[in-house]
Amino acid sequence: MKKMILVGRSESGKTTLTQALKGNKIQYHKTQYINYHDIIIDTPGEYAENKELARALALYSYEADVVGLLLSSTEPYSLYGPCITAQANREVIGIVTQIDRPDARPDRARAWLELAGCEKIFFVSSKTGEGIPELLEFLSD
């Protein structure tokens, strides 16, 4: 099973996705520090949002086989610059979250993740479970 580190801004759904992937009851929990769960490394959004803290993400990514860039389908902007995945020495996938929301724009999130360099993109809803089996299958390959 591949180990994946989840990277994304606050409230993008990293912790909720972690709970869904583990089959746990979904409950809000603010991630204050990097959490290791069997195959998932859950990171605080502030690490991706702050240049100084972002350096820690690079170090923690060495613990993972895959980097998952999360982007909520409700985001008005992308946190990730063009071709950012070229900097990683791990496989980088895109994960579009919150696709069940009425204001969701998964097409826009996909375009931003493709611009960032993600070749594989998964669309998930931790609330409905949509896309979770496909992501688990990818991690088990």
N, C-alpha and C. Protein backbone atom coordinates (compact mmCIF):
# COMPACT_ATOMS: atom_id res chain seq x y z
N MET A 1 0.85 -1.17 0.00
CA MET A 1 0.00 0.00 0.00
C MET A 1 0.89 1.24 0.00
N LYS A 2 0.57 2.19 -0.88
CA LYS A 2 1.33 3.43 -0.96
C LYS A 2 0.96 4.34 0.20
N LYS A 3 1.97 5.05 0.71
CA LYS A 3 1.72 6.05 1.74
C LYS A 3 1.60 7.40 1.04
N MET A 4 0.59 8.19 1.44
CA MET A 4 0.32 9.47 0.78
C MET A 4 0.32 10.60 1.79
N ILE A 5 0.96 11.70 1.44
CA ILE A 5 0.90 12.93 2.23
C ILE A 5 -0.12 13.85 1.56
N LEU A 6 -1.02 14.41 2.37
CA LEU A 6 -2.05 15.30 1.87
C LEU A 6 -1.63 16.74 2.11
N VAL A 7 -1.65 17.52 1.04
CA VAL A 7 -1.24 18.93 1.09
C VAL A 7 -2.39 19.77 0.55
N GLY A 8 -2.70 20.84 1.22
CA GLY A 8 -3.75 21.74 0.77
C GLY A 8 -4.00 22.81 1.81
N ARG A 9 -4.73 23.83 1.40
CA ARG A 9 -4.98 24.92 2.33
C ARG A 9 -5.98 24.50 3.40
N SER A 10 -6.11 25.31 4.42
CA SER A 10 -7.07 25.04 5.49
C SER A 10 -8.47 24.91 4.91
N GLU A 11 -9.21 23.96 5.43
CA GLU A 11 -10.59 23.70 5.06
C GLU A 11 -10.75 23.12 3.65
N SER A 12 -9.68 22.57 3.10
CA SER A 12 -9.80 21.93 1.78
C SER A 12 -10.31 20.50 1.89
N GLY A 13 -10.31 19.96 3.11
CA GLY A 13 -10.88 18.63 3.32
C GLY A 13 -9.86 17.53 3.56
N LYS A 14 -8.65 17.87 3.96
CA LYS A 14 -7.60 16.86 4.19
C LYS A 14 -7.96 15.90 5.32
N THR A 15 -8.33 16.45 6.46
CA THR A 15 -8.65 15.60 7.62
C THR A 15 -9.92 14.81 7.38
N THR A 16 -10.92 15.42 6.76
CA THR A 16 -12.16 14.73 6.45
C THR A 16 -11.89 13.59 5.47
N LEU A 17 -11.05 13.83 4.47
CA LEU A 17 -10.68 12.78 3.52
C LEU A 17 -9.94 11.66 4.24
N THR A 18 -9.07 12.00 5.16
CA THR A 18 -8.35 10.99 5.94
C THR A 18 -9.35 10.10 6.68
N GLN A 19 -10.34 10.72 7.30
CA GLN A 19 -11.36 9.95 8.02
C GLN A 19 -12.15 9.06 7.07
N ALA A 20 -12.50 9.57 5.90
CA ALA A 20 -13.26 8.78 4.91
C ALA A 20 -12.44 7.61 4.39
N LEU A 21 -11.16 7.83 4.13
CA LEU A 21 -10.29 6.76 3.63
C LEU A 21 -10.11 5.66 4.67
N LYS A 22 -10.12 6.04 5.94
CA LYS A 22 -9.98 5.06 7.01
C LYS A 22 -11.31 4.41 7.37
N GLY A 23 -12.42 4.91 6.81
CA GLY A 23 -13.73 4.36 7.12
C GLY A 23 -14.27 4.84 8.45
N ASN A 24 -13.74 5.92 8.97
CA ASN A 24 -14.19 6.47 10.25
C ASN A 24 -15.39 7.38 10.07
N LYS A 25 -16.10 7.62 11.17
CA LYS A 25 -17.19 8.59 11.17
C LYS A 25 -16.58 9.97 10.90
N ILE A 26 -17.23 10.73 10.02
CA ILE A 26 -16.74 12.05 9.68
C ILE A 26 -17.11 13.03 10.79
N GLN A 27 -16.11 13.66 11.36
CA GLN A 27 -16.33 14.68 12.37
C GLN A 27 -15.25 15.75 12.22
N TYR A 28 -15.62 16.98 12.47
CA TYR A 28 -14.67 18.07 12.30
C TYR A 28 -13.57 17.98 13.35
N HIS A 29 -12.36 18.13 12.88
CA HIS A 29 -11.20 18.13 13.77
C HIS A 29 -10.14 19.00 13.11
N LYS A 30 -9.77 20.08 13.73
CA LYS A 30 -8.75 20.97 13.19
C LYS A 30 -7.38 20.34 13.41
N THR A 31 -6.65 20.12 12.33
CA THR A 31 -5.32 19.54 12.43
C THR A 31 -4.34 20.61 12.88
N GLN A 32 -3.70 20.37 14.01
CA GLN A 32 -2.76 21.34 14.58
C GLN A 32 -1.31 21.00 14.29
N TYR A 33 -1.06 19.76 13.93
CA TYR A 33 0.30 19.29 13.68
C TYR A 33 0.22 18.14 12.68
N ILE A 34 1.33 17.70 12.17
CA ILE A 34 1.33 16.63 11.18
C ILE A 34 0.96 15.32 11.86
N ASN A 35 -0.06 14.65 11.31
CA ASN A 35 -0.57 13.40 11.87
C ASN A 35 -0.26 12.25 10.93
N TYR A 36 0.31 11.19 11.46
CA TYR A 36 0.57 9.98 10.68
C TYR A 36 -0.53 8.97 10.96
N HIS A 37 -1.17 8.51 9.90
CA HIS A 37 -2.17 7.44 9.98
C HIS A 37 -1.66 6.38 9.00
N ASP A 38 -1.78 5.15 9.32
CA ASP A 38 -1.25 4.05 8.52
C ASP A 38 -0.68 4.45 7.15
N ILE A 39 -1.55 4.83 6.23
CA ILE A 39 -1.08 5.14 4.88
C ILE A 39 -1.22 6.62 4.53
N ILE A 40 -1.73 7.42 5.46
CA ILE A 40 -1.99 8.83 5.20
C ILE A 40 -1.18 9.70 6.16
N ILE A 41 -0.57 10.74 5.61
CA ILE A 41 0.06 11.77 6.43
C ILE A 41 -0.80 13.02 6.25
N ASP A 42 -1.48 13.43 7.30
CA ASP A 42 -2.38 14.58 7.28
C ASP A 42 -1.62 15.80 7.79
N THR A 43 -1.66 16.89 7.02
CA THR A 43 -0.89 18.08 7.38
C THR A 43 -1.82 19.27 7.61
N PRO A 44 -1.42 20.19 8.48
CA PRO A 44 -2.22 21.40 8.68
C PRO A 44 -2.18 22.28 7.42
N GLY A 45 -3.28 22.92 7.11
CA GLY A 45 -3.35 23.79 5.96
C GLY A 45 -2.38 24.95 6.03
N GLU A 46 -2.08 25.39 7.24
CA GLU A 46 -1.16 26.51 7.41
C GLU A 46 0.22 26.21 6.84
N TYR A 47 0.59 24.93 6.79
CA TYR A 47 1.89 24.56 6.24
C TYR A 47 1.95 24.86 4.74
N ALA A 48 0.85 24.68 4.04
CA ALA A 48 0.81 24.97 2.61
C ALA A 48 0.61 26.46 2.34
N GLU A 49 0.03 27.16 3.29
CA GLU A 49 -0.31 28.57 3.10
C GLU A 49 0.83 29.52 3.49
N ASN A 50 1.79 29.03 4.26
CA ASN A 50 2.86 29.86 4.78
C ASN A 50 4.20 29.41 4.23
N LYS A 51 4.91 30.31 3.61
CA LYS A 51 6.18 29.98 2.95
C LYS A 51 7.19 29.35 3.92
N GLU A 52 7.26 29.86 5.12
CA GLU A 52 8.22 29.33 6.09
C GLU A 52 7.85 27.90 6.53
N LEU A 53 6.57 27.66 6.75
CA LEU A 53 6.12 26.33 7.17
C LEU A 53 6.12 25.34 6.01
N ALA A 54 6.00 25.84 4.79
CA ALA A 54 5.95 24.95 3.62
C ALA A 54 7.21 24.12 3.48
N ARG A 55 8.30 24.61 3.99
CA ARG A 55 9.56 23.84 3.93
C ARG A 55 9.43 22.50 4.66
N ALA A 56 8.63 22.49 5.71
CA ALA A 56 8.43 21.24 6.46
C ALA A 56 7.71 20.21 5.60
N LEU A 57 6.81 20.67 4.72
CA LEU A 57 6.10 19.73 3.84
C LEU A 57 7.08 19.00 2.93
N ALA A 58 8.09 19.71 2.44
CA ALA A 58 9.09 19.06 1.59
C ALA A 58 9.80 17.95 2.36
N LEU A 59 10.14 18.20 3.60
CA LEU A 59 10.82 17.19 4.41
C LEU A 59 9.91 16.01 4.70
N TYR A 60 8.66 16.28 5.07
CA TYR A 60 7.73 15.20 5.38
C TYR A 60 7.35 14.40 4.15
N SER A 61 7.45 14.99 2.97
CA SER A 61 7.09 14.26 1.75
C SER A 61 8.02 13.08 1.52
N TYR A 62 9.22 13.11 2.10
CA TYR A 62 10.14 11.98 1.96
C TYR A 62 9.61 10.73 2.66
N GLU A 63 8.66 10.90 3.56
CA GLU A 63 8.06 9.78 4.26
C GLU A 63 6.97 9.10 3.42
N ALA A 64 6.59 9.73 2.30
CA ALA A 64 5.47 9.25 1.51
C ALA A 64 5.91 8.77 0.13
N ASP A 65 5.08 7.93 -0.47
CA ASP A 65 5.29 7.48 -1.84
C ASP A 65 4.60 8.41 -2.83
N VAL A 66 3.52 9.06 -2.36
CA VAL A 66 2.68 9.90 -3.21
C VAL A 66 2.37 11.20 -2.48
N VAL A 67 2.38 12.31 -3.23
CA VAL A 67 1.94 13.59 -2.70
C VAL A 67 0.56 13.87 -3.29
N GLY A 68 -0.42 14.10 -2.42
CA GLY A 68 -1.77 14.42 -2.87
C GLY A 68 -2.02 15.90 -2.68
N LEU A 69 -2.17 16.63 -3.79
CA LEU A 69 -2.51 18.05 -3.73
C LEU A 69 -4.02 18.17 -3.70
N LEU A 70 -4.56 18.65 -2.60
CA LEU A 70 -6.00 18.82 -2.48
C LEU A 70 -6.42 20.21 -2.88
N LEU A 71 -7.54 20.26 -3.58
CA LEU A 71 -8.13 21.54 -3.96
C LEU A 71 -9.64 21.37 -3.88
N SER A 72 -10.26 22.16 -3.03
CA SER A 72 -11.71 22.10 -2.92
C SER A 72 -12.35 22.60 -4.20
N SER A 73 -13.43 21.97 -4.59
CA SER A 73 -14.13 22.39 -5.81
C SER A 73 -14.86 23.72 -5.61
N THR A 74 -14.81 24.27 -4.39
CA THR A 74 -15.46 25.55 -4.11
C THR A 74 -14.46 26.70 -4.02
N GLU A 75 -13.18 26.41 -4.24
CA GLU A 75 -12.15 27.43 -4.11
C GLU A 75 -12.28 28.53 -5.16
N PRO A 76 -12.08 29.79 -4.77
CA PRO A 76 -12.10 30.88 -5.74
C PRO A 76 -10.74 31.08 -6.42
N TYR A 77 -9.71 30.39 -5.93
CA TYR A 77 -8.36 30.49 -6.49
C TYR A 77 -7.59 29.21 -6.18
N SER A 78 -6.45 29.05 -6.84
CA SER A 78 -5.61 27.89 -6.58
C SER A 78 -4.38 28.30 -5.79
N LEU A 79 -4.05 27.49 -4.82
CA LEU A 79 -2.86 27.71 -4.01
C LEU A 79 -1.59 27.30 -4.76
N TYR A 80 -1.75 26.51 -5.81
CA TYR A 80 -0.61 25.90 -6.50
C TYR A 80 -0.27 26.66 -7.78
N GLY A 81 1.00 26.95 -7.93
CA GLY A 81 1.48 27.63 -9.13
C GLY A 81 1.62 26.67 -10.30
N PRO A 82 1.75 27.21 -11.51
CA PRO A 82 1.94 26.37 -12.69
C PRO A 82 3.19 25.49 -12.57
N CYS A 83 3.06 24.26 -12.98
CA CYS A 83 4.18 23.30 -13.04
C CYS A 83 4.86 23.05 -11.69
N ILE A 84 4.15 23.23 -10.60
CA ILE A 84 4.75 23.05 -9.27
C ILE A 84 5.14 21.60 -9.01
N THR A 85 4.47 20.66 -9.66
CA THR A 85 4.78 19.25 -9.41
C THR A 85 6.17 18.86 -9.91
N ALA A 86 6.74 19.66 -10.78
CA ALA A 86 8.09 19.37 -11.29
C ALA A 86 9.13 19.43 -10.18
N GLN A 87 8.82 20.10 -9.09
CA GLN A 87 9.74 20.22 -7.97
C GLN A 87 9.78 18.98 -7.09
N ALA A 88 8.79 18.12 -7.23
CA ALA A 88 8.69 16.94 -6.36
C ALA A 88 9.44 15.76 -6.95
N ASN A 89 10.03 14.97 -6.08
CA ASN A 89 10.68 13.74 -6.53
C ASN A 89 9.83 12.53 -6.14
N ARG A 90 8.54 12.75 -5.99
CA ARG A 90 7.55 11.72 -5.72
C ARG A 90 6.42 11.89 -6.74
N GLU A 91 5.63 10.84 -6.91
CA GLU A 91 4.44 10.98 -7.75
C GLU A 91 3.49 11.97 -7.08
N VAL A 92 2.94 12.88 -7.86
CA VAL A 92 2.01 13.89 -7.35
C VAL A 92 0.67 13.70 -8.05
N ILE A 93 -0.38 13.57 -7.25
CA ILE A 93 -1.73 13.44 -7.80
C ILE A 93 -2.56 14.63 -7.34
N GLY A 94 -3.60 14.92 -8.08
CA GLY A 94 -4.55 15.95 -7.68
C GLY A 94 -5.79 15.30 -7.09
N ILE A 95 -6.34 15.94 -6.08
CA ILE A 95 -7.56 15.44 -5.46
C ILE A 95 -8.52 16.63 -5.32
N VAL A 96 -9.62 16.57 -6.06
CA VAL A 96 -10.65 17.61 -5.99
C VAL A 96 -11.66 17.16 -4.94
N THR A 97 -11.83 17.96 -3.89
CA THR A 97 -12.71 17.59 -2.78
C THR A 97 -14.01 18.40 -2.82
N GLN A 98 -14.93 18.00 -1.98
CA GLN A 98 -16.20 18.69 -1.76
C GLN A 98 -17.00 18.81 -3.06
N ILE A 99 -16.98 17.76 -3.87
CA ILE A 99 -17.68 17.79 -5.16
C ILE A 99 -19.19 17.71 -5.00
N ASP A 100 -19.68 17.40 -3.79
CA ASP A 100 -21.11 17.29 -3.54
C ASP A 100 -21.76 18.63 -3.20
N ARG A 101 -20.97 19.66 -3.01
CA ARG A 101 -21.51 20.96 -2.60
C ARG A 101 -22.25 21.64 -3.76
N PRO A 102 -23.32 22.38 -3.46
CA PRO A 102 -24.08 23.04 -4.52
C PRO A 102 -23.27 24.06 -5.32
N ASP A 103 -22.30 24.69 -4.68
CA ASP A 103 -21.48 25.70 -5.35
C ASP A 103 -20.18 25.11 -5.92
N ALA A 104 -20.15 23.79 -6.06
CA ALA A 104 -18.94 23.11 -6.54
C ALA A 104 -18.64 23.45 -8.00
N ARG A 105 -17.35 23.60 -8.29
CA ARG A 105 -16.87 23.82 -9.65
C ARG A 105 -15.70 22.87 -9.91
N PRO A 106 -15.97 21.55 -9.95
CA PRO A 106 -14.88 20.59 -10.12
C PRO A 106 -14.11 20.76 -11.42
N ASP A 107 -14.75 21.27 -12.46
CA ASP A 107 -14.07 21.51 -13.73
C ASP A 107 -12.97 22.55 -13.57
N ARG A 108 -13.26 23.60 -12.82
CA ARG A 108 -12.26 24.66 -12.58
C ARG A 108 -11.11 24.12 -11.73
N ALA A 109 -11.44 23.35 -10.69
CA ALA A 109 -10.40 22.77 -9.83
C ALA A 109 -9.51 21.83 -10.64
N ARG A 110 -10.11 21.04 -11.53
CA ARG A 110 -9.33 20.13 -12.38
C ARG A 110 -8.36 20.94 -13.25
N ALA A 111 -8.84 22.00 -13.85
CA ALA A 111 -7.99 22.82 -14.72
C ALA A 111 -6.80 23.37 -13.94
N TRP A 112 -7.04 23.82 -12.71
CA TRP A 112 -5.95 24.36 -11.90
C TRP A 112 -4.95 23.28 -11.51
N LEU A 113 -5.43 22.08 -11.19
CA LEU A 113 -4.52 20.98 -10.84
C LEU A 113 -3.74 20.51 -12.06
N GLU A 114 -4.37 20.50 -13.22
CA GLU A 114 -3.64 20.15 -14.45
C GLU A 114 -2.56 21.18 -14.74
N LEU A 115 -2.87 22.46 -14.53
CA LEU A 115 -1.89 23.52 -14.72
C LEU A 115 -0.72 23.37 -13.74
N ALA A 116 -1.01 22.88 -12.54
CA ALA A 116 0.04 22.64 -11.55
C ALA A 116 0.93 21.47 -11.95
N GLY A 117 0.43 20.61 -12.85
CA GLY A 117 1.22 19.48 -13.33
C GLY A 117 0.69 18.11 -12.94
N CYS A 118 -0.48 18.05 -12.32
CA CYS A 118 -1.05 16.76 -11.92
C CYS A 118 -1.59 16.03 -13.16
N GLU A 119 -1.12 14.81 -13.36
CA GLU A 119 -1.61 14.01 -14.48
C GLU A 119 -2.78 13.12 -14.06
N LYS A 120 -2.77 12.65 -12.81
CA LYS A 120 -3.88 11.86 -12.26
C LYS A 120 -4.66 12.76 -11.31
N ILE A 121 -5.96 12.83 -11.53
CA ILE A 121 -6.80 13.66 -10.68
C ILE A 121 -8.02 12.84 -10.25
N PHE A 122 -8.28 12.85 -8.95
CA PHE A 122 -9.41 12.13 -8.38
C PHE A 122 -10.43 13.15 -7.88
N PHE A 123 -11.71 12.83 -8.05
CA PHE A 123 -12.80 13.67 -7.59
C PHE A 123 -13.49 12.94 -6.45
N VAL A 124 -13.52 13.56 -5.26
CA VAL A 124 -14.04 12.86 -4.09
C VAL A 124 -15.02 13.72 -3.29
N SER A 125 -15.91 13.02 -2.64
CA SER A 125 -16.79 13.61 -1.64
C SER A 125 -16.69 12.72 -0.42
N SER A 126 -16.10 13.24 0.63
CA SER A 126 -16.00 12.47 1.87
C SER A 126 -17.36 12.28 2.50
N LYS A 127 -18.28 13.18 2.19
CA LYS A 127 -19.64 13.12 2.74
C LYS A 127 -20.45 11.99 2.11
N THR A 128 -20.41 11.87 0.78
CA THR A 128 -21.19 10.84 0.09
C THR A 128 -20.39 9.57 -0.20
N GLY A 129 -19.06 9.66 -0.12
CA GLY A 129 -18.21 8.52 -0.42
C GLY A 129 -17.82 8.41 -1.88
N GLU A 130 -18.34 9.30 -2.71
CA GLU A 130 -18.02 9.26 -4.14
C GLU A 130 -16.51 9.47 -4.34
N GLY A 131 -15.91 8.61 -5.15
CA GLY A 131 -14.49 8.71 -5.48
C GLY A 131 -13.54 8.09 -4.47
N ILE A 132 -14.01 7.77 -3.29
CA ILE A 132 -13.16 7.19 -2.25
C ILE A 132 -12.64 5.81 -2.67
N PRO A 133 -13.49 4.91 -3.20
CA PRO A 133 -12.98 3.59 -3.62
C PRO A 133 -11.89 3.69 -4.69
N GLU A 134 -12.04 4.60 -5.64
CA GLU A 134 -11.03 4.75 -6.69
C GLU A 134 -9.69 5.22 -6.12
N LEU A 135 -9.74 6.13 -5.16
CA LEU A 135 -8.51 6.61 -4.54
C LEU A 135 -7.85 5.50 -3.72
N LEU A 136 -8.63 4.73 -2.99
CA LEU A 136 -8.09 3.59 -2.24
C LEU A 136 -7.48 2.55 -3.16
N GLU A 137 -8.14 2.31 -4.29
CA GLU A 137 -7.60 1.36 -5.25
C GLU A 137 -6.25 1.83 -5.80
N PHE A 138 -6.15 3.13 -6.09
CA PHE A 138 -4.89 3.68 -6.56
C PHE A 138 -3.79 3.49 -5.52
N LEU A 139 -4.11 3.73 -4.24
CA LEU A 139 -3.11 3.59 -3.19
C LEU A 139 -2.70 2.14 -2.97
N SER A 140 -3.58 1.21 -3.32
CA SER A 140 -3.25 -0.20 -3.10
C SER A 140 -2.46 -0.82 -4.25
N ASP A 141 -2.38 -0.12 -5.39
CA ASP A 141 -1.59 -0.65 -6.54
C ASP A 141 -0.11 -0.68 -6.24
